[in-house]
Amino acid sequence: MDYPRDFPEHLKRKVDAAMHAAEIQFIDAKKELPEGHFEAFADRLILRYVETVFFGFATQAVEAGREGIWDGERIRQALEDF
């Protein structure tokens, strides 16, 4: 994943963990689908993946704000860019 250049290094691990969990959830859900049904459920599975990763990043961006590293404007910009 390409993080913003000023994203705090110590917060990346939790975002990476959220991404990893999203990947496992996606793969497991795909395996549970009946043969030939992926296309019917692809949008839902992909949306769940994207939401999980986004909220993982957003949570850590807010943490950067709590720690005084980013201000509100920087958090909003990072979320918009993400």
N, C-alpha and C. Protein backbone atom coordinates (compact mmCIF):
# COMPACT_ATOMS: atom_id res chain seq x y z
N MET A 1 0.85 -1.17 0.00
CA MET A 1 0.00 0.00 0.00
C MET A 1 0.90 1.24 0.00
N ASP A 2 0.50 2.24 -0.74
CA ASP A 2 1.21 3.50 -0.76
C ASP A 2 0.59 4.44 0.27
N TYR A 3 1.32 4.67 1.33
CA TYR A 3 0.86 5.58 2.38
C TYR A 3 1.22 7.02 2.00
N PRO A 4 0.48 7.99 2.55
CA PRO A 4 0.92 9.37 2.37
C PRO A 4 2.35 9.50 2.92
N ARG A 5 3.16 10.34 2.29
CA ARG A 5 4.57 10.44 2.67
C ARG A 5 4.76 10.83 4.13
N ASP A 6 3.80 11.54 4.71
CA ASP A 6 3.92 11.97 6.10
C ASP A 6 3.09 11.13 7.07
N PHE A 7 2.62 9.96 6.62
CA PHE A 7 1.85 9.09 7.51
C PHE A 7 2.80 8.48 8.53
N PRO A 8 2.46 8.55 9.81
CA PRO A 8 3.36 8.06 10.85
C PRO A 8 3.68 6.57 10.70
N GLU A 9 4.94 6.28 10.73
CA GLU A 9 5.42 4.90 10.54
C GLU A 9 4.81 3.94 11.56
N HIS A 10 4.70 4.38 12.81
CA HIS A 10 4.22 3.48 13.86
C HIS A 10 2.73 3.14 13.74
N LEU A 11 2.00 3.85 12.88
CA LEU A 11 0.58 3.56 12.70
C LEU A 11 0.31 2.64 11.50
N LYS A 12 1.31 2.42 10.70
CA LYS A 12 1.12 1.60 9.49
C LYS A 12 0.80 0.14 9.80
N ARG A 13 1.36 -0.38 10.88
CA ARG A 13 1.16 -1.79 11.20
C ARG A 13 -0.32 -2.13 11.38
N LYS A 14 -1.07 -1.24 12.04
CA LYS A 14 -2.49 -1.52 12.25
C LYS A 14 -3.28 -1.42 10.95
N VAL A 15 -2.88 -0.53 10.07
CA VAL A 15 -3.54 -0.45 8.76
C VAL A 15 -3.23 -1.71 7.96
N ASP A 16 -1.98 -2.13 7.99
CA ASP A 16 -1.60 -3.36 7.30
C ASP A 16 -2.37 -4.56 7.85
N ALA A 17 -2.58 -4.60 9.15
CA ALA A 17 -3.35 -5.69 9.77
C ALA A 17 -4.80 -5.66 9.30
N ALA A 18 -5.38 -4.47 9.17
CA ALA A 18 -6.76 -4.35 8.67
C ALA A 18 -6.83 -4.84 7.23
N MET A 19 -5.82 -4.50 6.44
CA MET A 19 -5.80 -4.95 5.05
C MET A 19 -5.67 -6.47 4.97
N HIS A 20 -4.82 -7.01 5.79
CA HIS A 20 -4.64 -8.46 5.81
C HIS A 20 -5.95 -9.16 6.21
N ALA A 21 -6.62 -8.64 7.24
CA ALA A 21 -7.90 -9.22 7.67
C ALA A 21 -8.94 -9.13 6.55
N ALA A 22 -8.95 -8.02 5.82
CA ALA A 22 -9.89 -7.85 4.70
C ALA A 22 -9.61 -8.86 3.60
N GLU A 23 -8.33 -9.10 3.34
CA GLU A 23 -7.96 -10.08 2.31
C GLU A 23 -8.42 -11.48 2.69
N ILE A 24 -8.21 -11.85 3.94
CA ILE A 24 -8.62 -13.18 4.40
C ILE A 24 -10.14 -13.31 4.35
N GLN A 25 -10.83 -12.26 4.80
CA GLN A 25 -12.30 -12.27 4.77
C GLN A 25 -12.81 -12.42 3.33
N PHE A 26 -12.19 -11.70 2.39
CA PHE A 26 -12.58 -11.77 0.99
C PHE A 26 -12.36 -13.19 0.44
N ILE A 27 -11.19 -13.73 0.67
CA ILE A 27 -10.87 -15.07 0.16
C ILE A 27 -11.81 -16.12 0.75
N ASP A 28 -12.03 -16.05 2.05
CA ASP A 28 -12.92 -17.02 2.71
C ASP A 28 -14.35 -16.91 2.17
N ALA A 29 -14.84 -15.68 2.01
CA ALA A 29 -16.20 -15.48 1.49
C ALA A 29 -16.31 -15.99 0.06
N LYS A 30 -15.28 -15.76 -0.73
CA LYS A 30 -15.29 -16.22 -2.12
C LYS A 30 -15.31 -17.74 -2.19
N LYS A 31 -14.57 -18.40 -1.32
CA LYS A 31 -14.53 -19.87 -1.28
C LYS A 31 -15.88 -20.47 -0.91
N GLU A 32 -16.66 -19.74 -0.12
CA GLU A 32 -17.96 -20.25 0.34
C GLU A 32 -19.05 -20.13 -0.72
N LEU A 33 -18.79 -19.36 -1.77
CA LEU A 33 -19.79 -19.18 -2.81
C LEU A 33 -19.90 -20.44 -3.66
N PRO A 34 -21.12 -20.75 -4.09
CA PRO A 34 -21.28 -21.88 -5.00
C PRO A 34 -20.53 -21.62 -6.32
N GLU A 35 -20.12 -22.66 -6.96
CA GLU A 35 -19.39 -22.57 -8.24
C GLU A 35 -20.12 -21.65 -9.21
N GLY A 36 -19.40 -20.72 -9.78
CA GLY A 36 -19.95 -19.84 -10.80
C GLY A 36 -20.77 -18.66 -10.29
N HIS A 37 -20.78 -18.43 -8.99
CA HIS A 37 -21.60 -17.36 -8.43
C HIS A 37 -20.80 -16.12 -8.01
N PHE A 38 -19.50 -16.12 -8.25
CA PHE A 38 -18.69 -14.99 -7.81
C PHE A 38 -19.17 -13.68 -8.42
N GLU A 39 -19.48 -13.67 -9.71
CA GLU A 39 -19.89 -12.44 -10.38
C GLU A 39 -21.12 -11.82 -9.72
N ALA A 40 -22.02 -12.66 -9.24
CA ALA A 40 -23.24 -12.17 -8.62
C ALA A 40 -22.96 -11.48 -7.27
N PHE A 41 -21.88 -11.88 -6.62
CA PHE A 41 -21.56 -11.36 -5.29
C PHE A 41 -20.30 -10.50 -5.26
N ALA A 42 -19.66 -10.34 -6.40
CA ALA A 42 -18.37 -9.64 -6.45
C ALA A 42 -18.46 -8.23 -5.90
N ASP A 43 -19.46 -7.46 -6.31
CA ASP A 43 -19.58 -6.08 -5.84
C ASP A 43 -19.66 -6.01 -4.32
N ARG A 44 -20.45 -6.87 -3.73
CA ARG A 44 -20.63 -6.88 -2.28
C ARG A 44 -19.32 -7.24 -1.57
N LEU A 45 -18.62 -8.26 -2.09
CA LEU A 45 -17.37 -8.69 -1.47
C LEU A 45 -16.29 -7.62 -1.61
N ILE A 46 -16.23 -7.01 -2.76
CA ILE A 46 -15.23 -5.96 -2.98
C ILE A 46 -15.52 -4.75 -2.11
N LEU A 47 -16.79 -4.37 -2.00
CA LEU A 47 -17.16 -3.24 -1.16
C LEU A 47 -16.79 -3.51 0.30
N ARG A 48 -17.04 -4.70 0.78
CA ARG A 48 -16.69 -5.05 2.15
C ARG A 48 -15.18 -4.95 2.36
N TYR A 49 -14.41 -5.40 1.36
CA TYR A 49 -12.96 -5.31 1.43
C TYR A 49 -12.51 -3.84 1.51
N VAL A 50 -13.03 -3.03 0.60
CA VAL A 50 -12.64 -1.61 0.55
C VAL A 50 -13.03 -0.90 1.85
N GLU A 51 -14.22 -1.17 2.36
CA GLU A 51 -14.65 -0.54 3.61
C GLU A 51 -13.74 -0.92 4.77
N THR A 52 -13.38 -2.17 4.86
CA THR A 52 -12.52 -2.62 5.95
C THR A 52 -11.16 -1.93 5.90
N VAL A 53 -10.57 -1.87 4.71
CA VAL A 53 -9.27 -1.21 4.56
C VAL A 53 -9.39 0.29 4.83
N PHE A 54 -10.42 0.92 4.27
CA PHE A 54 -10.61 2.35 4.47
C PHE A 54 -10.77 2.69 5.95
N PHE A 55 -11.63 1.96 6.64
CA PHE A 55 -11.85 2.26 8.05
C PHE A 55 -10.62 1.97 8.88
N GLY A 56 -9.82 0.98 8.48
CA GLY A 56 -8.55 0.74 9.16
C GLY A 56 -7.63 1.94 9.02
N PHE A 57 -7.54 2.49 7.80
CA PHE A 57 -6.72 3.67 7.56
C PHE A 57 -7.29 4.88 8.30
N ALA A 58 -8.60 5.07 8.23
CA ALA A 58 -9.24 6.22 8.86
C ALA A 58 -9.02 6.21 10.37
N THR A 59 -9.12 5.06 10.97
CA THR A 59 -8.91 4.94 12.42
C THR A 59 -7.51 5.39 12.79
N GLN A 60 -6.52 4.99 12.00
CA GLN A 60 -5.15 5.37 12.31
C GLN A 60 -4.87 6.83 11.95
N ALA A 61 -5.55 7.36 10.95
CA ALA A 61 -5.41 8.78 10.64
C ALA A 61 -5.93 9.62 11.81
N VAL A 62 -7.04 9.21 12.39
CA VAL A 62 -7.58 9.90 13.56
C VAL A 62 -6.61 9.76 14.74
N GLU A 63 -5.99 8.61 14.86
CA GLU A 63 -4.99 8.42 15.92
C GLU A 63 -3.82 9.39 15.73
N ALA A 64 -3.43 9.62 14.49
CA ALA A 64 -2.37 10.62 14.22
C ALA A 64 -2.81 11.99 14.72
N GLY A 65 -4.10 12.28 14.60
CA GLY A 65 -4.62 13.53 15.13
C GLY A 65 -4.59 13.57 16.64
N ARG A 66 -4.97 12.47 17.27
CA ARG A 66 -4.94 12.41 18.74
C ARG A 66 -3.52 12.61 19.28
N GLU A 67 -2.57 12.09 18.53
CA GLU A 67 -1.17 12.19 18.95
C GLU A 67 -0.56 13.55 18.60
N GLY A 68 -1.32 14.41 17.92
CA GLY A 68 -0.83 15.74 17.58
C GLY A 68 0.08 15.76 16.37
N ILE A 69 0.11 14.68 15.61
CA ILE A 69 0.97 14.59 14.42
C ILE A 69 0.26 15.24 13.23
N TRP A 70 -1.01 14.96 13.08
CA TRP A 70 -1.82 15.55 12.01
C TRP A 70 -2.91 16.41 12.64
N ASP A 71 -3.28 17.47 11.91
CA ASP A 71 -4.43 18.27 12.33
C ASP A 71 -5.66 17.80 11.57
N GLY A 72 -6.80 18.39 11.90
CA GLY A 72 -8.06 17.97 11.27
C GLY A 72 -8.05 18.10 9.77
N GLU A 73 -7.49 19.18 9.26
CA GLU A 73 -7.44 19.38 7.81
C GLU A 73 -6.60 18.29 7.14
N ARG A 74 -5.48 17.93 7.75
CA ARG A 74 -4.62 16.89 7.16
C ARG A 74 -5.34 15.53 7.16
N ILE A 75 -6.07 15.26 8.22
CA ILE A 75 -6.83 14.01 8.30
C ILE A 75 -7.88 13.98 7.19
N ARG A 76 -8.64 15.05 7.05
CA ARG A 76 -9.68 15.11 6.02
C ARG A 76 -9.08 14.94 4.62
N GLN A 77 -7.96 15.60 4.36
CA GLN A 77 -7.31 15.50 3.06
C GLN A 77 -6.82 14.08 2.80
N ALA A 78 -6.23 13.45 3.82
CA ALA A 78 -5.73 12.08 3.65
C ALA A 78 -6.88 11.11 3.36
N LEU A 79 -8.00 11.29 4.06
CA LEU A 79 -9.15 10.40 3.82
C LEU A 79 -9.74 10.62 2.44
N GLU A 80 -9.80 11.86 2.02
CA GLU A 80 -10.31 12.15 0.67
C GLU A 80 -9.38 11.53 -0.38
N ASP A 81 -8.09 11.68 -0.20
CA ASP A 81 -7.12 11.13 -1.16
C ASP A 81 -7.14 9.60 -1.17
N PHE A 82 -7.37 9.02 -0.01
CA PHE A 82 -7.35 7.57 0.11
C PHE A 82 -8.48 6.97 -0.69
